[in-house]
Amino acid sequence: MTKYNEKILQNLKDANCSNAIIEQFFKLAKQGKLLEQTKLLYSYKTQLLESLHKNQKNIDCLDFLIYRLEQELKNNTV
């Protein structure tokens, strides 16, 4: 594996890509299918963003509940 490919591999691992995505990425690279590689990465990025948005919604719900509880605490201690 070339130094360039090692860096790409590390980047894919750092992005927490699965082994299946990594294998597909390099298979497409060997075939010279740059557009398909890009689509593969965009697809994974979309999955990550969807997960992020779901987690953000969960955090927002918890923040609201924490806020309500803190308000109750303030009202009960005054």
PDB file of N, CA and C in Angstrom:
ATOM      1  N   MET A   1       0.853  -1.175   0.000  1.00  0.00           N
ATOM      2  CA  MET A   1       0.000   0.000   0.000  1.00  0.00           C
ATOM      3  C   MET A   1       0.898   1.237   0.000  1.00  0.00           C
ATOM      4  N   THR A   2       0.567   2.174  -0.870  1.00  0.00           N
ATOM      5  CA  THR A   2       1.367   3.400  -0.964  1.00  0.00           C
ATOM      6  C   THR A   2       1.126   4.285   0.257  1.00  0.00           C
ATOM      7  N   LYS A   3       2.031   5.215   0.463  1.00  0.00           N
ATOM      8  CA  LYS A   3       1.906   6.171   1.564  1.00  0.00           C
ATOM      9  C   LYS A   3       0.601   6.957   1.433  1.00  0.00           C
ATOM     10  N   TYR A   4       0.249   7.330   0.195  1.00  0.00           N
ATOM     11  CA  TYR A   4      -0.993   8.062  -0.076  1.00  0.00           C
ATOM     12  C   TYR A   4      -2.202   7.234   0.353  1.00  0.00           C
ATOM     13  N   ASN A   5      -2.220   5.958  -0.033  1.00  0.00           N
ATOM     14  CA  ASN A   5      -3.339   5.085   0.329  1.00  0.00           C
ATOM     15  C   ASN A   5      -3.389   4.836   1.835  1.00  0.00           C
ATOM     16  N   GLU A   6      -2.233   4.785   2.475  1.00  0.00           N
ATOM     17  CA  GLU A   6      -2.206   4.625   3.929  1.00  0.00           C
ATOM     18  C   GLU A   6      -2.860   5.821   4.616  1.00  0.00           C
ATOM     19  N   LYS A   7      -2.598   7.021   4.077  1.00  0.00           N
ATOM     20  CA  LYS A   7      -3.199   8.228   4.641  1.00  0.00           C
ATOM     21  C   LYS A   7      -4.711   8.231   4.422  1.00  0.00           C
ATOM     22  N   ILE A   8      -5.132   7.807   3.258  1.00  0.00           N
ATOM     23  CA  ILE A   8      -6.575   7.725   2.979  1.00  0.00           C
ATOM     24  C   ILE A   8      -7.224   6.701   3.900  1.00  0.00           C
ATOM     25  N   LEU A   9      -6.584   5.554   4.058  1.00  0.00           N
ATOM     26  CA  LEU A   9      -7.103   4.513   4.942  1.00  0.00           C
ATOM     27  C   LEU A   9      -7.245   5.048   6.363  1.00  0.00           C
ATOM     28  N   GLN A  10      -6.228   5.746   6.838  1.00  0.00           N
ATOM     29  CA  GLN A  10      -6.288   6.300   8.190  1.00  0.00           C
ATOM     30  C   GLN A  10      -7.414   7.311   8.316  1.00  0.00           C
ATOM     31  N   ASN A  11      -7.595   8.125   7.283  1.00  0.00           N
ATOM     32  CA  ASN A  11      -8.668   9.118   7.290  1.00  0.00           C
ATOM     33  C   ASN A  11     -10.032   8.443   7.349  1.00  0.00           C
ATOM     34  N   LEU A  12     -10.214   7.382   6.581  1.00  0.00           N
ATOM     35  CA  LEU A  12     -11.477   6.644   6.597  1.00  0.00           C
ATOM     36  C   LEU A  12     -11.721   6.011   7.969  1.00  0.00           C
ATOM     37  N   LYS A  13     -10.663   5.476   8.575  1.00  0.00           N
ATOM     38  CA  LYS A  13     -10.787   4.902   9.918  1.00  0.00           C
ATOM     39  C   LYS A  13     -11.105   5.992  10.939  1.00  0.00           C
ATOM     40  N   ASP A  14     -10.447   7.144  10.807  1.00  0.00           N
ATOM     41  CA  ASP A  14     -10.698   8.259  11.720  1.00  0.00           C
ATOM     42  C   ASP A  14     -12.150   8.736  11.610  1.00  0.00           C
ATOM     43  N   ALA A  15     -12.731   8.599  10.428  1.00  0.00           N
ATOM     44  CA  ALA A  15     -14.128   8.974  10.207  1.00  0.00           C
ATOM     45  C   ALA A  15     -15.079   7.868  10.665  1.00  0.00           C
ATOM     46  N   ASN A  16     -14.501   6.804  11.222  1.00  0.00           N
ATOM     47  CA  ASN A  16     -15.274   5.659  11.735  1.00  0.00           C
ATOM     48  C   ASN A  16     -16.041   4.926  10.636  1.00  0.00           C
ATOM     49  N   CYS A  17     -15.457   4.887   9.445  1.00  0.00           N
ATOM     50  CA  CYS A  17     -16.063   4.118   8.353  1.00  0.00           C
ATOM     51  C   CYS A  17     -15.937   2.637   8.669  1.00  0.00           C
ATOM     52  N   SER A  18     -16.957   1.887   8.301  1.00  0.00           N
ATOM     53  CA  SER A  18     -16.919   0.444   8.504  1.00  0.00           C
ATOM     54  C   SER A  18     -15.915  -0.188   7.541  1.00  0.00           C
ATOM     55  N   ASN A  19     -15.534  -1.427   7.841  1.00  0.00           N
ATOM     56  CA  ASN A  19     -14.640  -2.152   6.928  1.00  0.00           C
ATOM     57  C   ASN A  19     -15.276  -2.305   5.555  1.00  0.00           C
ATOM     58  N   ALA A  20     -16.597  -2.482   5.521  1.00  0.00           N
ATOM     59  CA  ALA A  20     -17.301  -2.629   4.238  1.00  0.00           C
ATOM     60  C   ALA A  20     -17.171  -1.363   3.400  1.00  0.00           C
ATOM     61  N   ILE A  21     -17.333  -0.205   4.026  1.00  0.00           N
ATOM     62  CA  ILE A  21     -17.195   1.059   3.294  1.00  0.00           C
ATOM     63  C   ILE A  21     -15.755   1.228   2.812  1.00  0.00           C
ATOM     64  N   ILE A  22     -14.804   0.919   3.680  1.00  0.00           N
ATOM     65  CA  ILE A  22     -13.392   1.060   3.308  1.00  0.00           C
ATOM     66  C   ILE A  22     -13.051   0.149   2.131  1.00  0.00           C
ATOM     67  N   GLU A  23     -13.496  -1.093   2.199  1.00  0.00           N
ATOM     68  CA  GLU A  23     -13.237  -2.033   1.100  1.00  0.00           C
ATOM     69  C   GLU A  23     -13.868  -1.546  -0.192  1.00  0.00           C
ATOM     70  N   GLN A  24     -15.108  -1.084  -0.107  1.00  0.00           N
ATOM     71  CA  GLN A  24     -15.807  -0.582  -1.301  1.00  0.00           C
ATOM     72  C   GLN A  24     -15.086   0.639  -1.859  1.00  0.00           C
ATOM     73  N   PHE A  25     -14.629   1.521  -0.975  1.00  0.00           N
ATOM     74  CA  PHE A  25     -13.918   2.722  -1.403  1.00  0.00           C
ATOM     75  C   PHE A  25     -12.681   2.367  -2.218  1.00  0.00           C
ATOM     76  N   PHE A  26     -11.864   1.439  -1.711  1.00  0.00           N
ATOM     77  CA  PHE A  26     -10.638   1.075  -2.416  1.00  0.00           C
ATOM     78  C   PHE A  26     -10.914   0.243  -3.667  1.00  0.00           C
ATOM     79  N   LYS A  27     -11.984  -0.539  -3.646  1.00  0.00           N
ATOM     80  CA  LYS A  27     -12.383  -1.283  -4.850  1.00  0.00           C
ATOM     81  C   LYS A  27     -12.739  -0.294  -5.963  1.00  0.00           C
ATOM     82  N   LEU A  28     -13.509   0.731  -5.608  1.00  0.00           N
ATOM     83  CA  LEU A  28     -13.875   1.755  -6.598  1.00  0.00           C
ATOM     84  C   LEU A  28     -12.646   2.529  -7.065  1.00  0.00           C
ATOM     85  N   ALA A  29     -11.699   2.754  -6.151  1.00  0.00           N
ATOM     86  CA  ALA A  29     -10.463   3.461  -6.517  1.00  0.00           C
ATOM     87  C   ALA A  29      -9.683   2.673  -7.561  1.00  0.00           C
ATOM     88  N   LYS A  30      -9.588   1.357  -7.354  1.00  0.00           N
ATOM     89  CA  LYS A  30      -8.865   0.510  -8.318  1.00  0.00           C
ATOM     90  C   LYS A  30      -9.527   0.534  -9.686  1.00  0.00           C
ATOM     91  N   GLN A  31     -10.846   0.728  -9.692  1.00  0.00           N
ATOM     92  CA  GLN A  31     -11.596   0.778 -10.951  1.00  0.00           C
ATOM     93  C   GLN A  31     -11.628   2.183 -11.553  1.00  0.00           C
ATOM     94  N   GLY A  32     -11.024   3.148 -10.843  1.00  0.00           N
ATOM     95  CA  GLY A  32     -10.989   4.523 -11.336  1.00  0.00           C
ATOM     96  C   GLY A  32     -12.344   5.219 -11.273  1.00  0.00           C
ATOM     97  N   LYS A  33     -13.201   4.773 -10.378  1.00  0.00           N
ATOM     98  CA  LYS A  33     -14.561   5.315 -10.284  1.00  0.00           C
ATOM     99  C   LYS A  33     -14.636   6.386  -9.193  1.00  0.00           C
ATOM    100  N   LEU A  34     -14.089   7.534  -9.518  1.00  0.00           N
ATOM    101  CA  LEU A  34     -14.020   8.650  -8.583  1.00  0.00           C
ATOM    102  C   LEU A  34     -15.408   9.150  -8.184  1.00  0.00           C
ATOM    103  N   LEU A  35     -16.312   9.244  -9.149  1.00  0.00           N
ATOM    104  CA  LEU A  35     -17.668   9.707  -8.853  1.00  0.00           C
ATOM    105  C   LEU A  35     -18.367   8.771  -7.865  1.00  0.00           C
ATOM    106  N   GLU A  36     -18.206   7.468  -8.070  1.00  0.00           N
ATOM    107  CA  GLU A  36     -18.820   6.498  -7.172  1.00  0.00           C
ATOM    108  C   GLU A  36     -18.201   6.552  -5.775  1.00  0.00           C
ATOM    109  N   GLN A  37     -16.894   6.803  -5.720  1.00  0.00           N
ATOM    110  CA  GLN A  37     -16.236   6.971  -4.421  1.00  0.00           C
ATOM    111  C   GLN A  37     -16.844   8.169  -3.679  1.00  0.00           C
ATOM    112  N   THR A  38     -17.010   9.248  -4.416  1.00  0.00           N
ATOM    113  CA  THR A  38     -17.585  10.456  -3.828  1.00  0.00           C
ATOM    114  C   THR A  38     -19.002  10.194  -3.336  1.00  0.00           C
ATOM    115  N   LYS A  39     -19.800   9.494  -4.127  1.00  0.00           N
ATOM    116  CA  LYS A  39     -21.173   9.170  -3.734  1.00  0.00           C
ATOM    117  C   LYS A  39     -21.190   8.291  -2.480  1.00  0.00           C
ATOM    118  N   LEU A  40     -20.263   7.359  -2.400  1.00  0.00           N
ATOM    119  CA  LEU A  40     -20.160   6.482  -1.236  1.00  0.00           C
ATOM    120  C   LEU A  40     -19.891   7.296   0.027  1.00  0.00           C
ATOM    121  N   LEU A  41     -18.958   8.243  -0.071  1.00  0.00           N
ATOM    122  CA  LEU A  41     -18.622   9.067   1.081  1.00  0.00           C
ATOM    123  C   LEU A  41     -19.764  10.014   1.449  1.00  0.00           C
ATOM    124  N   TYR A  42     -20.429  10.571   0.448  1.00  0.00           N
ATOM    125  CA  TYR A  42     -21.589  11.419   0.726  1.00  0.00           C
ATOM    126  C   TYR A  42     -22.697  10.629   1.419  1.00  0.00           C
ATOM    127  N   SER A  43     -22.887   9.396   0.993  1.00  0.00           N
ATOM    128  CA  SER A  43     -23.909   8.548   1.605  1.00  0.00           C
ATOM    129  C   SER A  43     -23.594   8.313   3.084  1.00  0.00           C
ATOM    130  N   TYR A  44     -22.349   8.019   3.382  1.00  0.00           N
ATOM    131  CA  TYR A  44     -21.949   7.805   4.768  1.00  0.00           C
ATOM    132  C   TYR A  44     -22.086   9.093   5.571  1.00  0.00           C
ATOM    133  N   LYS A  45     -21.690  10.207   4.963  1.00  0.00           N
ATOM    134  CA  LYS A  45     -21.810  11.509   5.626  1.00  0.00           C
ATOM    135  C   LYS A  45     -23.274  11.795   5.959  1.00  0.00           C
ATOM    136  N   THR A  46     -24.174  11.476   5.061  1.00  0.00           N
ATOM    137  CA  THR A  46     -25.606  11.675   5.292  1.00  0.00           C
ATOM    138  C   THR A  46     -26.078  10.846   6.482  1.00  0.00           C
ATOM    139  N   GLN A  47     -25.603   9.613   6.569  1.00  0.00           N
ATOM    140  CA  GLN A  47     -25.954   8.765   7.718  1.00  0.00           C
ATOM    141  C   GLN A  47     -25.474   9.386   9.024  1.00  0.00           C
ATOM    142  N   LEU A  48     -24.253   9.906   9.012  1.00  0.00           N
ATOM    143  CA  LEU A  48     -23.707  10.537  10.214  1.00  0.00           C
ATOM    144  C   LEU A  48     -24.510  11.773  10.606  1.00  0.00           C
ATOM    145  N   LEU A  49     -24.879  12.569   9.606  1.00  0.00           N
ATOM    146  CA  LEU A  49     -25.661  13.771   9.892  1.00  0.00           C
ATOM    147  C   LEU A  49     -27.038  13.430  10.452  1.00  0.00           C
ATOM    148  N   GLU A  50     -27.666  12.389   9.904  1.00  0.00           N
ATOM    149  CA  GLU A  50     -28.969  11.966  10.420  1.00  0.00           C
ATOM    150  C   GLU A  50     -28.847  11.528  11.878  1.00  0.00           C
ATOM    151  N   SER A  51     -27.791  10.820  12.185  1.00  0.00           N
ATOM    152  CA  SER A  51     -27.543  10.389  13.554  1.00  0.00           C
ATOM    153  C   SER A  51     -27.302  11.594  14.460  1.00  0.00           C
ATOM    154  N   LEU A  52     -26.533  12.535  13.971  1.00  0.00           N
ATOM    155  CA  LEU A  52     -26.267  13.752  14.727  1.00  0.00           C
ATOM    156  C   LEU A  52     -27.556  14.506  15.031  1.00  0.00           C
ATOM    157  N   HIS A  53     -28.407  14.661  14.027  1.00  0.00           N
ATOM    158  CA  HIS A  53     -29.670  15.382  14.217  1.00  0.00           C
ATOM    159  C   HIS A  53     -30.584  14.654  15.195  1.00  0.00           C
ATOM    160  N   LYS A  54     -30.610  13.335  15.111  1.00  0.00           N
ATOM    161  CA  LYS A  54     -31.418  12.567  16.056  1.00  0.00           C
ATOM    162  C   LYS A  54     -30.898  12.773  17.475  1.00  0.00           C
ATOM    163  N   ASN A  55     -29.591  12.688  17.640  1.00  0.00           N
ATOM    164  CA  ASN A  55     -28.994  12.891  18.956  1.00  0.00           C
ATOM    165  C   ASN A  55     -29.226  14.309  19.455  1.00  0.00           C
ATOM    166  N   GLN A  56     -29.187  15.286  18.553  1.00  0.00           N
ATOM    167  CA  GLN A  56     -29.436  16.667  18.957  1.00  0.00           C
ATOM    168  C   GLN A  56     -30.873  16.817  19.451  1.00  0.00           C
ATOM    169  N   LYS A  57     -31.809  16.156  18.785  1.00  0.00           N
ATOM    170  CA  LYS A  57     -33.204  16.209  19.225  1.00  0.00           C
ATOM    171  C   LYS A  57     -33.339  15.600  20.624  1.00  0.00           C
ATOM    172  N   ASN A  58     -32.652  14.485  20.858  1.00  0.00           N
ATOM    173  CA  ASN A  58     -32.678  13.855  22.180  1.00  0.00           C
ATOM    174  C   ASN A  58     -32.111  14.793  23.243  1.00  0.00           C
ATOM    175  N   ILE A  59     -31.022  15.452  22.916  1.00  0.00           N
ATOM    176  CA  ILE A  59     -30.401  16.396  23.846  1.00  0.00           C
ATOM    177  C   ILE A  59     -31.355  17.558  24.130  1.00  0.00           C
ATOM    178  N   ASP A  60     -32.005  18.050  23.091  1.00  0.00           N
ATOM    179  CA  ASP A  60     -32.962  19.148  23.273  1.00  0.00           C
ATOM    180  C   ASP A  60     -34.099  18.735  24.207  1.00  0.00           C
ATOM    181  N   CYS A  61     -34.589  17.528  24.060  1.00  0.00           N
ATOM    182  CA  CYS A  61     -35.655  17.034  24.935  1.00  0.00           C
ATOM    183  C   CYS A  61     -35.175  16.972  26.384  1.00  0.00           C
ATOM    184  N   LEU A  62     -33.968  16.477  26.577  1.00  0.00           N
ATOM    185  CA  LEU A  62     -33.414  16.412  27.927  1.00  0.00           C
ATOM    186  C   LEU A  62     -33.175  17.804  28.505  1.00  0.00           C
ATOM    187  N   ASP A  63     -32.681  18.708  27.679  1.00  0.00           N
ATOM    188  CA  ASP A  63     -32.474  20.078  28.138  1.00  0.00           C
ATOM    189  C   ASP A  63     -33.781  20.702  28.609  1.00  0.00           C
ATOM    190  N   PHE A  64     -34.849  20.464  27.865  1.00  0.00           N
ATOM    191  CA  PHE A  64     -36.154  21.003  28.242  1.00  0.00           C
ATOM    192  C   PHE A  64     -36.606  20.431  29.585  1.00  0.00           C
ATOM    193  N   LEU A  65     -36.465  19.122  29.734  1.00  0.00           N
ATOM    194  CA  LEU A  65     -36.871  18.488  30.987  1.00  0.00           C
ATOM    195  C   LEU A  65     -36.027  18.999  32.162  1.00  0.00           C
ATOM    196  N   ILE A  66     -34.728  19.124  31.960  1.00  0.00           N
ATOM    197  CA  ILE A  66     -33.843  19.659  33.002  1.00  0.00           C
ATOM    198  C   ILE A  66     -34.269  21.078  33.369  1.00  0.00           C
ATOM    199  N   TYR A  67     -34.560  21.882  32.364  1.00  0.00           N
ATOM    200  CA  TYR A  67     -35.001  23.254  32.603  1.00  0.00           C
ATOM    201  C   TYR A  67     -36.269  23.270  33.460  1.00  0.00           C
ATOM    202  N   ARG A  68     -37.235  22.430  33.097  1.00  0.00           N
ATOM    203  CA  ARG A  68     -38.499  22.375  33.850  1.00  0.00           C
ATOM    204  C   ARG A  68     -38.261  21.953  35.295  1.00  0.00           C
ATOM    205  N   LEU A  69     -37.414  20.975  35.491  1.00  0.00           N
ATOM    206  CA  LEU A  69     -37.118  20.511  36.844  1.00  0.00           C
ATOM    207  C   LEU A  69     -36.404  21.595  37.653  1.00  0.00           C
ATOM    208  N   GLU A  70     -35.474  22.287  37.028  1.00  0.00           N
ATOM    209  CA  GLU A  70     -34.775  23.371  37.715  1.00  0.00           C
ATOM    210  C   GLU A  70     -35.733  24.496  38.092  1.00  0.00           C
ATOM    211  N   GLN A  71     -36.695  24.772  37.208  1.00  0.00           N
ATOM    212  CA  GLN A  71     -37.710  25.782  37.519  1.00  0.00           C
ATOM    213  C   GLN A  71     -38.551  25.360  38.713  1.00  0.00           C
ATOM    214  N   GLU A  72     -38.898  24.090  38.750  1.00  0.00           N
ATOM    215  CA  GLU A  72     -39.657  23.579  39.890  1.00  0.00           C
ATOM    216  C   GLU A  72     -38.858  23.699  41.174  1.00  0.00           C
ATOM    217  N   LEU A  73     -37.571  23.370  41.097  1.00  0.00           N
ATOM    218  CA  LEU A  73     -36.708  23.484  42.271  1.00  0.00           C
ATOM    219  C   LEU A  73     -36.657  24.935  42.768  1.00  0.00           C
ATOM    220  N   LYS A  74     -36.515  25.877  41.863  1.00  0.00           N
ATOM    221  CA  LYS A  74     -36.469  27.294  42.227  1.00  0.00           C
ATOM    222  C   LYS A  74     -37.771  27.712  42.898  1.00  0.00           C
ATOM    223  N   ASN A  75     -38.885  27.288  42.336  1.00  0.00           N
ATOM    224  CA  ASN A  75     -40.200  27.664  42.864  1.00  0.00           C
ATOM    225  C   ASN A  75     -40.456  27.052  44.241  1.00  0.00           C
ATOM    226  N   ASN A  76     -39.913  25.891  44.483  1.00  0.00           N
ATOM    227  CA  ASN A  76     -40.124  25.216  45.762  1.00  0.00           C
ATOM    228  C   ASN A  76     -39.201  25.694  46.866  1.00  0.00           C
ATOM    229  N   THR A  77     -38.105  26.350  46.479  1.00  0.00           N
ATOM    230  CA  THR A  77     -37.146  26.802  47.497  1.00  0.00           C
ATOM    231  C   THR A  77     -37.289  28.269  47.809  1.00  0.00           C
ATOM    232  N   VAL A  78     -38.139  28.955  47.106  1.00  0.00           N
ATOM    233  CA  VAL A  78     -38.305  30.406  47.342  1.00  0.00           C
ATOM    234  C   VAL A  78     -39.275  30.651  48.459  1.00  0.00           C
TER     235      VAL A  78
END
